[in-house]
Amino acid sequence: MSGPEQAAQRSHRAALVLNAVLGCVLAVLVVWSWSPMPASAQGQAPARARGEYTMVSGKTGSGSAHALYVVDGANSELVVFRWDQTRKEFLGFAYRSLDADTKAPMGR
């Protein structure tokens, strides 16, 4: 075999190897995309919308404890955090779904 024939044969082999590798990558991607979702992700509610938060400080209705009221306007939720002076940290105090509150029947 002469030099040009060997070069052509090497380039042909390289093309075959490259095609085989690309075929394997494609097969892995196809299998991965068709694989079932993990059990923890099945049957769950759709992802939450990105929150739009408003925070207001104040006091709780049950005493003089300081609180931080956080309203998530995008998801219609209210969370209240109470400041624990001894531990110097916020603690979850209350949660309300504003959607549920607006849909609840009016009462006394």
PDB file of N, CA and C in Angstrom:
ATOM      1  N   MET A   1       0.827  -1.180   0.000  1.00  0.00           N
ATOM      2  CA  MET A   1       0.000   0.000   0.000  1.00  0.00           C
ATOM      3  C   MET A   1       0.868   1.238   0.000  1.00  0.00           C
ATOM      4  N   SER A   2       0.427   2.188  -0.745  1.00  0.00           N
ATOM      5  CA  SER A   2       1.192   3.434  -0.805  1.00  0.00           C
ATOM      6  C   SER A   2       0.673   4.406   0.245  1.00  0.00           C
ATOM      7  N   GLY A   3       1.351   5.521   0.403  1.00  0.00           N
ATOM      8  CA  GLY A   3       1.007   6.534   1.406  1.00  0.00           C
ATOM      9  C   GLY A   3      -0.406   7.077   1.275  1.00  0.00           C
ATOM     10  N   PRO A   4      -0.838   7.491   0.088  1.00  0.00           N
ATOM     11  CA  PRO A   4      -2.194   8.034  -0.039  1.00  0.00           C
ATOM     12  C   PRO A   4      -3.271   6.994   0.260  1.00  0.00           C
ATOM     13  N   GLU A   5      -3.019   5.718  -0.095  1.00  0.00           N
ATOM     14  CA  GLU A   5      -4.010   4.678   0.177  1.00  0.00           C
ATOM     15  C   GLU A   5      -4.134   4.435   1.677  1.00  0.00           C
ATOM     16  N   GLN A   6      -2.996   4.449   2.392  1.00  0.00           N
ATOM     17  CA  GLN A   6      -3.024   4.267   3.844  1.00  0.00           C
ATOM     18  C   GLN A   6      -3.748   5.428   4.522  1.00  0.00           C
ATOM     19  N   ALA A   7      -3.499   6.632   4.049  1.00  0.00           N
ATOM     20  CA  ALA A   7      -4.165   7.803   4.623  1.00  0.00           C
ATOM     21  C   ALA A   7      -5.671   7.724   4.405  1.00  0.00           C
ATOM     22  N   ALA A   8      -6.089   7.277   3.222  1.00  0.00           N
ATOM     23  CA  ALA A   8      -7.517   7.148   2.931  1.00  0.00           C
ATOM     24  C   ALA A   8      -8.140   6.071   3.809  1.00  0.00           C
ATOM     25  N   GLN A   9      -7.406   4.963   4.018  1.00  0.00           N
ATOM     26  CA  GLN A   9      -7.922   3.879   4.850  1.00  0.00           C
ATOM     27  C   GLN A   9      -8.039   4.334   6.309  1.00  0.00           C
ATOM     28  N   ARG A  10      -7.041   5.095   6.804  1.00  0.00           N
ATOM     29  CA  ARG A  10      -7.090   5.612   8.175  1.00  0.00           C
ATOM     30  C   ARG A  10      -8.255   6.580   8.349  1.00  0.00           C
ATOM     31  N   SER A  11      -8.460   7.445   7.363  1.00  0.00           N
ATOM     32  CA  SER A  11      -9.547   8.405   7.479  1.00  0.00           C
ATOM     33  C   SER A  11     -10.897   7.693   7.407  1.00  0.00           C
ATOM     34  N   HIS A  12     -10.976   6.610   6.640  1.00  0.00           N
ATOM     35  CA  HIS A  12     -12.209   5.821   6.569  1.00  0.00           C
ATOM     36  C   HIS A  12     -12.486   5.160   7.925  1.00  0.00           C
ATOM     37  N   ARG A  13     -11.439   4.584   8.551  1.00  0.00           N
ATOM     38  CA  ARG A  13     -11.590   3.972   9.879  1.00  0.00           C
ATOM     39  C   ARG A  13     -11.986   5.021  10.915  1.00  0.00           C
ATOM     40  N   ALA A  14     -11.358   6.185  10.852  1.00  0.00           N
ATOM     41  CA  ALA A  14     -11.683   7.252  11.803  1.00  0.00           C
ATOM     42  C   ALA A  14     -13.145   7.671  11.657  1.00  0.00           C
ATOM     43  N   ALA A  15     -13.624   7.755  10.420  1.00  0.00           N
ATOM     44  CA  ALA A  15     -15.026   8.117  10.191  1.00  0.00           C
ATOM     45  C   ALA A  15     -15.957   7.045  10.746  1.00  0.00           C
ATOM     46  N   LEU A  16     -15.596   5.771  10.576  1.00  0.00           N
ATOM     47  CA  LEU A  16     -16.416   4.682  11.112  1.00  0.00           C
ATOM     48  C   LEU A  16     -16.459   4.724  12.640  1.00  0.00           C
ATOM     49  N   VAL A  17     -15.303   4.934  13.262  1.00  0.00           N
ATOM     50  CA  VAL A  17     -15.244   5.007  14.728  1.00  0.00           C
ATOM     51  C   VAL A  17     -16.053   6.200  15.230  1.00  0.00           C
ATOM     52  N   LEU A  18     -15.902   7.341  14.576  1.00  0.00           N
ATOM     53  CA  LEU A  18     -16.649   8.531  14.976  1.00  0.00           C
ATOM     54  C   LEU A  18     -18.150   8.294  14.844  1.00  0.00           C
ATOM     55  N   ASN A  19     -18.586   7.686  13.760  1.00  0.00           N
ATOM     56  CA  ASN A  19     -20.007   7.388  13.579  1.00  0.00           C
ATOM     57  C   ASN A  19     -20.513   6.413  14.639  1.00  0.00           C
ATOM     58  N   ALA A  20     -19.697   5.419  14.990  1.00  0.00           N
ATOM     59  CA  ALA A  20     -20.091   4.462  16.027  1.00  0.00           C
ATOM     60  C   ALA A  20     -20.250   5.166  17.374  1.00  0.00           C
ATOM     61  N   VAL A  21     -19.311   6.041  17.714  1.00  0.00           N
ATOM     62  CA  VAL A  21     -19.386   6.782  18.977  1.00  0.00           C
ATOM     63  C   VAL A  21     -20.618   7.683  18.986  1.00  0.00           C
ATOM     64  N   LEU A  22     -20.847   8.411  17.902  1.00  0.00           N
ATOM     65  CA  LEU A  22     -22.021   9.283  17.831  1.00  0.00           C
ATOM     66  C   LEU A  22     -23.319   8.478  17.901  1.00  0.00           C
ATOM     67  N   GLY A  23     -23.338   7.304  17.286  1.00  0.00           N
ATOM     68  CA  GLY A  23     -24.514   6.438  17.370  1.00  0.00           C
ATOM     69  C   GLY A  23     -24.784   5.988  18.792  1.00  0.00           C
ATOM     70  N   CYS A  24     -23.719   5.648  19.526  1.00  0.00           N
ATOM     71  CA  CYS A  24     -23.872   5.254  20.933  1.00  0.00           C
ATOM     72  C   CYS A  24     -24.392   6.409  21.773  1.00  0.00           C
ATOM     73  N   VAL A  25     -23.848   7.593  21.557  1.00  0.00           N
ATOM     74  CA  VAL A  25     -24.308   8.775  22.297  1.00  0.00           C
ATOM     75  C   VAL A  25     -25.777   9.028  22.006  1.00  0.00           C
ATOM     76  N   LEU A  26     -26.172   8.936  20.743  1.00  0.00           N
ATOM     77  CA  LEU A  26     -27.568   9.137  20.370  1.00  0.00           C
ATOM     78  C   LEU A  26     -28.460   8.092  21.028  1.00  0.00           C
ATOM     79  N   ALA A  27     -28.024   6.832  21.055  1.00  0.00           N
ATOM     80  CA  ALA A  27     -28.812   5.773  21.690  1.00  0.00           C
ATOM     81  C   ALA A  27     -28.989   6.039  23.181  1.00  0.00           C
ATOM     82  N   VAL A  28     -27.924   6.462  23.850  1.00  0.00           N
ATOM     83  CA  VAL A  28     -28.012   6.772  25.280  1.00  0.00           C
ATOM     84  C   VAL A  28     -28.981   7.927  25.514  1.00  0.00           C
ATOM     85  N   LEU A  29     -28.910   8.965  24.701  1.00  0.00           N
ATOM     86  CA  LEU A  29     -29.814  10.103  24.865  1.00  0.00           C
ATOM     87  C   LEU A  29     -31.268   9.712  24.636  1.00  0.00           C
ATOM     88  N   VAL A  30     -31.518   8.865  23.653  1.00  0.00           N
ATOM     89  CA  VAL A  30     -32.892   8.422  23.386  1.00  0.00           C
ATOM     90  C   VAL A  30     -33.420   7.599  24.550  1.00  0.00           C
ATOM     91  N   VAL A  31     -32.619   6.661  25.046  1.00  0.00           N
ATOM     92  CA  VAL A  31     -33.052   5.837  26.176  1.00  0.00           C
ATOM     93  C   VAL A  31     -33.266   6.705  27.404  1.00  0.00           C
ATOM     94  N   TRP A  32     -32.379   7.653  27.642  1.00  0.00           N
ATOM     95  CA  TRP A  32     -32.495   8.534  28.807  1.00  0.00           C
ATOM     96  C   TRP A  32     -33.742   9.398  28.721  1.00  0.00           C
ATOM     97  N   SER A  33     -34.069   9.910  27.548  1.00  0.00           N
ATOM     98  CA  SER A  33     -35.239  10.778  27.424  1.00  0.00           C
ATOM     99  C   SER A  33     -36.539   9.992  27.520  1.00  0.00           C
ATOM    100  N   TRP A  34     -36.530   8.707  27.189  1.00  0.00           N
ATOM    101  CA  TRP A  34     -37.740   7.896  27.272  1.00  0.00           C
ATOM    102  C   TRP A  34     -37.881   7.176  28.595  1.00  0.00           C
ATOM    103  N   SER A  35     -36.882   7.235  29.452  1.00  0.00           N
ATOM    104  CA  SER A  35     -36.954   6.526  30.726  1.00  0.00           C
ATOM    105  C   SER A  35     -38.032   7.160  31.592  1.00  0.00           C
ATOM    106  N   PRO A  36     -38.723   6.360  32.404  1.00  0.00           N
ATOM    107  CA  PRO A  36     -39.781   6.916  33.247  1.00  0.00           C
ATOM    108  C   PRO A  36     -39.210   7.852  34.298  1.00  0.00           C
ATOM    109  N   MET A  37     -40.067   8.765  34.737  1.00  0.00           N
ATOM    110  CA  MET A  37     -39.654   9.716  35.767  1.00  0.00           C
ATOM    111  C   MET A  37     -39.494   8.974  37.086  1.00  0.00           C
ATOM    112  N   PRO A  38     -38.667   9.476  37.987  1.00  0.00           N
ATOM    113  CA  PRO A  38     -38.548   8.859  39.305  1.00  0.00           C
ATOM    114  C   PRO A  38     -39.892   8.888  40.025  1.00  0.00           C
ATOM    115  N   ALA A  39     -40.090   7.950  40.930  1.00  0.00           N
ATOM    116  CA  ALA A  39     -41.366   7.846  41.630  1.00  0.00           C
ATOM    117  C   ALA A  39     -41.700   9.117  42.388  1.00  0.00           C
ATOM    118  N   SER A  40     -40.705   9.817  42.892  1.00  0.00           N
ATOM    119  CA  SER A  40     -40.972  11.030  43.658  1.00  0.00           C
ATOM    120  C   SER A  40     -41.520  12.148  42.789  1.00  0.00           C
ATOM    121  N   ALA A  41     -41.270  12.100  41.485  1.00  0.00           N
ATOM    122  CA  ALA A  41     -41.731  13.170  40.605  1.00  0.00           C
ATOM    123  C   ALA A  41     -43.077  12.853  39.963  1.00  0.00           C
ATOM    124  N   GLN A  42     -43.569  11.636  40.122  1.00  0.00           N
ATOM    125  CA  GLN A  42     -44.828  11.265  39.498  1.00  0.00           C
ATOM    126  C   GLN A  42     -45.994  11.657  40.387  1.00  0.00           C
ATOM    127  N   GLY A  43     -47.052  12.107  39.772  1.00  0.00           N
ATOM    128  CA  GLY A  43     -48.271  12.410  40.496  1.00  0.00           C
ATOM    129  C   GLY A  43     -48.202  13.647  41.365  1.00  0.00           C
ATOM    130  N   GLN A  44     -47.249  14.493  41.142  1.00  0.00           N
ATOM    131  CA  GLN A  44     -47.155  15.707  41.937  1.00  0.00           C
ATOM    132  C   GLN A  44     -47.812  16.855  41.204  1.00  0.00           C
ATOM    133  N   ALA A  45     -48.140  17.864  41.956  1.00  0.00           N
ATOM    134  CA  ALA A  45     -48.717  19.069  41.370  1.00  0.00           C
ATOM    135  C   ALA A  45     -47.683  19.739  40.473  1.00  0.00           C
ATOM    136  N   PRO A  46     -48.132  20.517  39.522  1.00  0.00           N
ATOM    137  CA  PRO A  46     -47.174  21.224  38.662  1.00  0.00           C
ATOM    138  C   PRO A  46     -46.276  22.144  39.486  1.00  0.00           C
ATOM    139  N   ALA A  47     -45.160  22.485  38.909  1.00  0.00           N
ATOM    140  CA  ALA A  47     -44.192  23.337  39.606  1.00  0.00           C
ATOM    141  C   ALA A  47     -44.828  24.671  39.981  1.00  0.00           C
ATOM    142  N   ARG A  48     -44.415  25.182  41.117  1.00  0.00           N
ATOM    143  CA  ARG A  48     -44.935  26.465  41.575  1.00  0.00           C
ATOM    144  C   ARG A  48     -44.407  27.585  40.708  1.00  0.00           C
ATOM    145  N   ALA A  49     -45.215  28.612  40.600  1.00  0.00           N
ATOM    146  CA  ALA A  49     -44.778  29.807  39.886  1.00  0.00           C
ATOM    147  C   ALA A  49     -43.707  30.508  40.709  1.00  0.00           C
ATOM    148  N   ARG A  50     -42.868  31.252  40.050  1.00  0.00           N
ATOM    149  CA  ARG A  50     -41.850  32.017  40.759  1.00  0.00           C
ATOM    150  C   ARG A  50     -42.552  33.058  41.620  1.00  0.00           C
ATOM    151  N   GLY A  51     -42.146  33.151  42.866  1.00  0.00           N
ATOM    152  CA  GLY A  51     -42.828  34.023  43.816  1.00  0.00           C
ATOM    153  C   GLY A  51     -42.576  35.503  43.583  1.00  0.00           C
ATOM    154  N   GLU A  52     -43.560  36.287  43.974  1.00  0.00           N
ATOM    155  CA  GLU A  52     -43.439  37.748  44.012  1.00  0.00           C
ATOM    156  C   GLU A  52     -43.738  38.134  45.454  1.00  0.00           C
ATOM    157  N   TYR A  53     -42.699  38.463  46.202  1.00  0.00           N
ATOM    158  CA  TYR A  53     -42.818  38.593  47.642  1.00  0.00           C
ATOM    159  C   TYR A  53     -42.932  40.042  48.103  1.00  0.00           C
ATOM    160  N   THR A  54     -43.759  40.216  49.144  1.00  0.00           N
ATOM    161  CA  THR A  54     -43.860  41.482  49.857  1.00  0.00           C
ATOM    162  C   THR A  54     -43.723  41.152  51.337  1.00  0.00           C
ATOM    163  N   MET A  55     -42.852  41.886  52.042  1.00  0.00           N
ATOM    164  CA  MET A  55     -42.641  41.628  53.463  1.00  0.00           C
ATOM    165  C   MET A  55     -43.012  42.865  54.260  1.00  0.00           C
ATOM    166  N   VAL A  56     -43.671  42.617  55.393  1.00  0.00           N
ATOM    167  CA  VAL A  56     -44.058  43.697  56.297  1.00  0.00           C
ATOM    168  C   VAL A  56     -43.761  43.224  57.711  1.00  0.00           C
ATOM    169  N   SER A  57     -43.154  44.081  58.500  1.00  0.00           N
ATOM    170  CA  SER A  57     -42.902  43.714  59.893  1.00  0.00           C
ATOM    171  C   SER A  57     -44.040  44.239  60.756  1.00  0.00           C
ATOM    172  N   GLY A  58     -44.238  43.579  61.881  1.00  0.00           N
ATOM    173  CA  GLY A  58     -45.297  43.998  62.794  1.00  0.00           C
ATOM    174  C   GLY A  58     -45.256  43.161  64.046  1.00  0.00           C
ATOM    175  N   LYS A  59     -46.368  43.162  64.752  1.00  0.00           N
ATOM    176  CA  LYS A  59     -46.494  42.357  65.963  1.00  0.00           C
ATOM    177  C   LYS A  59     -47.632  41.370  65.767  1.00  0.00           C
ATOM    178  N   THR A  60     -47.546  40.247  66.472  1.00  0.00           N
ATOM    179  CA  THR A  60     -48.602  39.248  66.367  1.00  0.00           C
ATOM    180  C   THR A  60     -49.805  39.700  67.176  1.00  0.00           C
ATOM    181  N   GLY A  61     -50.950  39.141  66.855  1.00  0.00           N
ATOM    182  CA  GLY A  61     -52.166  39.482  67.591  1.00  0.00           C
ATOM    183  C   GLY A  61     -52.203  38.854  68.965  1.00  0.00           C
ATOM    184  N   SER A  62     -51.313  37.909  69.240  1.00  0.00           N
ATOM    185  CA  SER A  62     -51.347  37.185  70.511  1.00  0.00           C
ATOM    186  C   SER A  62     -50.324  37.696  71.517  1.00  0.00           C
ATOM    187  N   GLY A  63     -49.870  38.893  71.358  1.00  0.00           N
ATOM    188  CA  GLY A  63     -48.905  39.400  72.323  1.00  0.00           C
ATOM    189  C   GLY A  63     -47.988  40.424  71.705  1.00  0.00           C
ATOM    190  N   SER A  64     -46.861  40.596  72.354  1.00  0.00           N
ATOM    191  CA  SER A  64     -45.934  41.623  71.896  1.00  0.00           C
ATOM    192  C   SER A  64     -44.799  41.052  71.058  1.00  0.00           C
ATOM    193  N   ALA A  65     -44.922  39.808  70.616  1.00  0.00           N
ATOM    194  CA  ALA A  65     -43.850  39.207  69.823  1.00  0.00           C
ATOM    195  C   ALA A  65     -43.769  39.884  68.463  1.00  0.00           C
ATOM    196  N   HIS A  66     -42.563  40.156  68.032  1.00  0.00           N
ATOM    197  CA  HIS A  66     -42.361  40.756  66.716  1.00  0.00           C
ATOM    198  C   HIS A  66     -42.510  39.674  65.654  1.00  0.00           C
ATOM    199  N   ALA A  67     -43.028  40.075  64.491  1.00  0.00           N
ATOM    200  CA  ALA A  67     -43.279  39.105  63.429  1.00  0.00           C
ATOM    201  C   ALA A  67     -42.936  39.713  62.083  1.00  0.00           C
ATOM    202  N   LEU A  68     -42.701  38.836  61.137  1.00  0.00           N
ATOM    203  CA  LEU A  68     -42.452  39.235  59.758  1.00  0.00           C
ATOM    204  C   LEU A  68     -43.525  38.558  58.909  1.00  0.00           C
ATOM    205  N   TYR A  69     -44.357  39.360  58.257  1.00  0.00           N
ATOM    206  CA  TYR A  69     -45.427  38.858  57.399  1.00  0.00           C
ATOM    207  C   TYR A  69     -44.911  38.857  55.963  1.00  0.00           C
ATOM    208  N   VAL A  70     -44.945  37.691  55.314  1.00  0.00           N
ATOM    209  CA  VAL A  70     -44.453  37.556  53.943  1.00  0.00           C
ATOM    210  C   VAL A  70     -45.613  37.091  53.070  1.00  0.00           C
ATOM    211  N   VAL A  71     -45.968  37.915  52.074  1.00  0.00           N
ATOM    212  CA  VAL A  71     -47.034  37.572  51.134  1.00  0.00           C
ATOM    213  C   VAL A  71     -46.392  37.204  49.803  1.00  0.00           C
ATOM    214  N   ASP A  72     -46.751  36.031  49.297  1.00  0.00           N
ATOM    215  CA  ASP A  72     -46.324  35.597  47.964  1.00  0.00           C
ATOM    216  C   ASP A  72     -47.505  35.845  47.039  1.00  0.00           C
ATOM    217  N   GLY A  73     -47.463  36.944  46.308  1.00  0.00           N
ATOM    218  CA  GLY A  73     -48.569  37.332  45.443  1.00  0.00           C
ATOM    219  C   GLY A  73     -48.772  36.395  44.270  1.00  0.00           C
ATOM    220  N   ALA A  74     -47.708  35.802  43.751  1.00  0.00           N
ATOM    221  CA  ALA A  74     -47.827  34.916  42.592  1.00  0.00           C
ATOM    222  C   ALA A  74     -48.519  33.610  42.959  1.00  0.00           C
ATOM    223  N   ASN A  75     -48.290  33.108  44.163  1.00  0.00           N
ATOM    224  CA  ASN A  75     -48.868  31.834  44.590  1.00  0.00           C
ATOM    225  C   ASN A  75     -49.979  32.007  45.615  1.00  0.00           C
ATOM    226  N   SER A  76     -50.327  33.247  45.929  1.00  0.00           N
ATOM    227  CA  SER A  76     -51.418  33.578  46.857  1.00  0.00           C
ATOM    228  C   SER A  76     -51.250  32.884  48.203  1.00  0.00           C
ATOM    229  N   GLU A  77     -50.112  33.127  48.839  1.00  0.00           N
ATOM    230  CA  GLU A  77     -49.840  32.540  50.140  1.00  0.00           C
ATOM    231  C   GLU A  77     -49.313  33.603  51.097  1.00  0.00           C
ATOM    232  N   LEU A  78     -49.596  33.394  52.372  1.00  0.00           N
ATOM    233  CA  LEU A  78     -49.103  34.275  53.427  1.00  0.00           C
ATOM    234  C   LEU A  78     -48.401  33.409  54.462  1.00  0.00           C
ATOM    235  N   VAL A  79     -47.197  33.799  54.834  1.00  0.00           N
ATOM    236  CA  VAL A  79     -46.442  33.103  55.873  1.00  0.00           C
ATOM    237  C   VAL A  79     -46.039  34.135  56.910  1.00  0.00           C
ATOM    238  N   VAL A  80     -46.179  33.755  58.174  1.00  0.00           N
ATOM    239  CA  VAL A  80     -45.797  34.648  59.271  1.00  0.00           C
ATOM    240  C   VAL A  80     -44.647  33.989  60.028  1.00  0.00           C
ATOM    241  N   PHE A  81     -43.584  34.752  60.209  1.00  0.00           N
ATOM    242  CA  PHE A  81     -42.436  34.297  60.981  1.00  0.00           C
ATOM    243  C   PHE A  81     -42.363  35.125  62.255  1.00  0.00           C
ATOM    244  N   ARG A  82     -42.143  34.453  63.386  1.00  0.00           N
ATOM    245  CA  ARG A  82     -42.026  35.133  64.676  1.00  0.00           C
ATOM    246  C   ARG A  82     -40.554  35.200  65.056  1.00  0.00           C
ATOM    247  N   TRP A  83     -40.134  36.323  65.611  1.00  0.00           N
ATOM    248  CA  TRP A  83     -38.754  36.487  66.049  1.00  0.00           C
ATOM    249  C   TRP A  83     -38.613  35.928  67.456  1.00  0.00           C
ATOM    250  N   ASP A  84     -37.723  34.952  67.627  1.00  0.00           N
ATOM    251  CA  ASP A  84     -37.435  34.381  68.934  1.00  0.00           C
ATOM    252  C   ASP A  84     -36.208  35.099  69.478  1.00  0.00           C
ATOM    253  N   GLN A  85     -36.434  35.941  70.465  1.00  0.00           N
ATOM    254  CA  GLN A  85     -35.363  36.776  71.008  1.00  0.00           C
ATOM    255  C   GLN A  85     -34.283  35.946  71.695  1.00  0.00           C
ATOM    256  N   THR A  86     -34.664  34.855  72.355  1.00  0.00           N
ATOM    257  CA  THR A  86     -33.657  34.069  73.075  1.00  0.00           C
ATOM    258  C   THR A  86     -32.743  33.303  72.123  1.00  0.00           C
ATOM    259  N   ARG A  87     -33.306  32.788  71.033  1.00  0.00           N
ATOM    260  CA  ARG A  87     -32.480  32.045  70.073  1.00  0.00           C
ATOM    261  C   ARG A  87     -31.974  32.912  68.932  1.00  0.00           C
ATOM    262  N   LYS A  88     -32.448  34.138  68.854  1.00  0.00           N
ATOM    263  CA  LYS A  88     -32.029  35.087  67.807  1.00  0.00           C
ATOM    264  C   LYS A  88     -32.272  34.510  66.407  1.00  0.00           C
ATOM    265  N   GLU A  89     -33.496  34.008  66.181  1.00  0.00           N
ATOM    266  CA  GLU A  89     -33.842  33.469  64.868  1.00  0.00           C
ATOM    267  C   GLU A  89     -35.345  33.579  64.620  1.00  0.00           C
ATOM    268  N   PHE A  90     -35.720  33.525  63.341  1.00  0.00           N
ATOM    269  CA  PHE A  90     -37.124  33.519  62.967  1.00  0.00           C
ATOM    270  C   PHE A  90     -37.653  32.093  63.045  1.00  0.00           C
ATOM    271  N   LEU A  91     -38.863  31.954  63.553  1.00  0.00           N
ATOM    272  CA  LEU A  91     -39.538  30.665  63.611  1.00  0.00           C
ATOM    273  C   LEU A  91     -40.835  30.764  62.820  1.00  0.00           C
ATOM    274  N   GLY A  92     -41.176  29.704  62.099  1.00  0.00           N
ATOM    275  CA  GLY A  92     -42.449  29.696  61.384  1.00  0.00           C
ATOM    276  C   GLY A  92     -43.592  29.799  62.375  1.00  0.00           C
ATOM    277  N   PHE A  93     -44.514  30.720  62.154  1.00  0.00           N
ATOM    278  CA  PHE A  93     -45.585  30.976  63.114  1.00  0.00           C
ATOM    279  C   PHE A  93     -46.947  30.628  62.528  1.00  0.00           C
ATOM    280  N   ALA A  94     -47.199  30.994  61.267  1.00  0.00           N
ATOM    281  CA  ALA A  94     -48.507  30.738  60.660  1.00  0.00           C
ATOM    282  C   ALA A  94     -48.375  30.686  59.145  1.00  0.00           C
ATOM    283  N   TYR A  95     -49.338  29.992  58.523  1.00  0.00           N
ATOM    284  CA  TYR A  95     -49.407  29.896  57.062  1.00  0.00           C
ATOM    285  C   TYR A  95     -50.869  30.002  56.657  1.00  0.00           C
ATOM    286  N   ARG A  96     -51.137  30.741  55.598  1.00  0.00           N
ATOM    287  CA  ARG A  96     -52.490  30.847  55.051  1.00  0.00           C
ATOM    288  C   ARG A  96     -52.421  30.774  53.541  1.00  0.00           C
ATOM    289  N   SER A  97     -53.350  30.026  52.968  1.00  0.00           N
ATOM    290  CA  SER A  97     -53.526  30.026  51.522  1.00  0.00           C
ATOM    291  C   SER A  97     -54.572  31.091  51.218  1.00  0.00           C
ATOM    292  N   LEU A  98     -54.171  32.150  50.551  1.00  0.00           N
ATOM    293  CA  LEU A  98     -55.105  33.233  50.263  1.00  0.00           C
ATOM    294  C   LEU A  98     -56.167  32.790  49.265  1.00  0.00           C
ATOM    295  N   ASP A  99     -55.835  31.861  48.374  1.00  0.00           N
ATOM    296  CA  ASP A  99     -56.839  31.317  47.449  1.00  0.00           C
ATOM    297  C   ASP A  99     -57.940  30.606  48.222  1.00  0.00           C
ATOM    298  N   ALA A 100     -57.548  29.770  49.184  1.00  0.00           N
ATOM    299  CA  ALA A 100     -58.539  29.046  49.982  1.00  0.00           C
ATOM    300  C   ALA A 100     -59.379  30.011  50.799  1.00  0.00           C
ATOM    301  N   ASP A 101     -58.768  31.061  51.319  1.00  0.00           N
ATOM    302  CA  ASP A 101     -59.517  32.039  52.106  1.00  0.00           C
ATOM    303  C   ASP A 101     -60.536  32.790  51.259  1.00  0.00           C
ATOM    304  N   THR A 102     -60.187  33.130  50.032  1.00  0.00           N
ATOM    305  CA  THR A 102     -61.129  33.868  49.190  1.00  0.00           C
ATOM    306  C   THR A 102     -62.254  32.972  48.679  1.00  0.00           C
ATOM    307  N   LYS A 103     -62.026  31.661  48.623  1.00  0.00           N
ATOM    308  CA  LYS A 103     -63.060  30.732  48.154  1.00  0.00           C
ATOM    309  C   LYS A 103     -63.930  30.206  49.286  1.00  0.00           C
ATOM    310  N   ALA A 104     -63.533  30.435  50.529  1.00  0.00           N
ATOM    311  CA  ALA A 104     -64.298  29.946  51.676  1.00  0.00           C
ATOM    312  C   ALA A 104     -65.594  30.739  51.800  1.00  0.00           C
ATOM    313  N   PRO A 105     -66.670  30.070  52.246  1.00  0.00           N
ATOM    314  CA  PRO A 105     -67.938  30.793  52.415  1.00  0.00           C
ATOM    315  C   PRO A 105     -67.815  31.840  53.520  1.00  0.00           C
ATOM    316  N   MET A 106     -68.495  32.931  53.324  1.00  0.00           N
ATOM    317  CA  MET A 106     -68.471  34.011  54.319  1.00  0.00           C
ATOM    318  C   MET A 106     -69.218  33.550  55.565  1.00  0.00           C
ATOM    319  N   GLY A 107     -68.701  33.858  56.698  1.00  0.00           N
ATOM    320  CA  GLY A 107     -69.337  33.484  57.959  1.00  0.00           C
ATOM    321  C   GLY A 107     -69.093  34.557  58.990  1.00  0.00           C
ATOM    322  N   ARG A 108     -69.507  34.245  60.202  1.00  0.00           N
ATOM    323  CA  ARG A 108     -69.299  35.218  61.258  1.00  0.00           C
ATOM    324  C   ARG A 108     -67.939  35.095  61.842  1.00  0.00           C
TER     325      ARG A 108
END
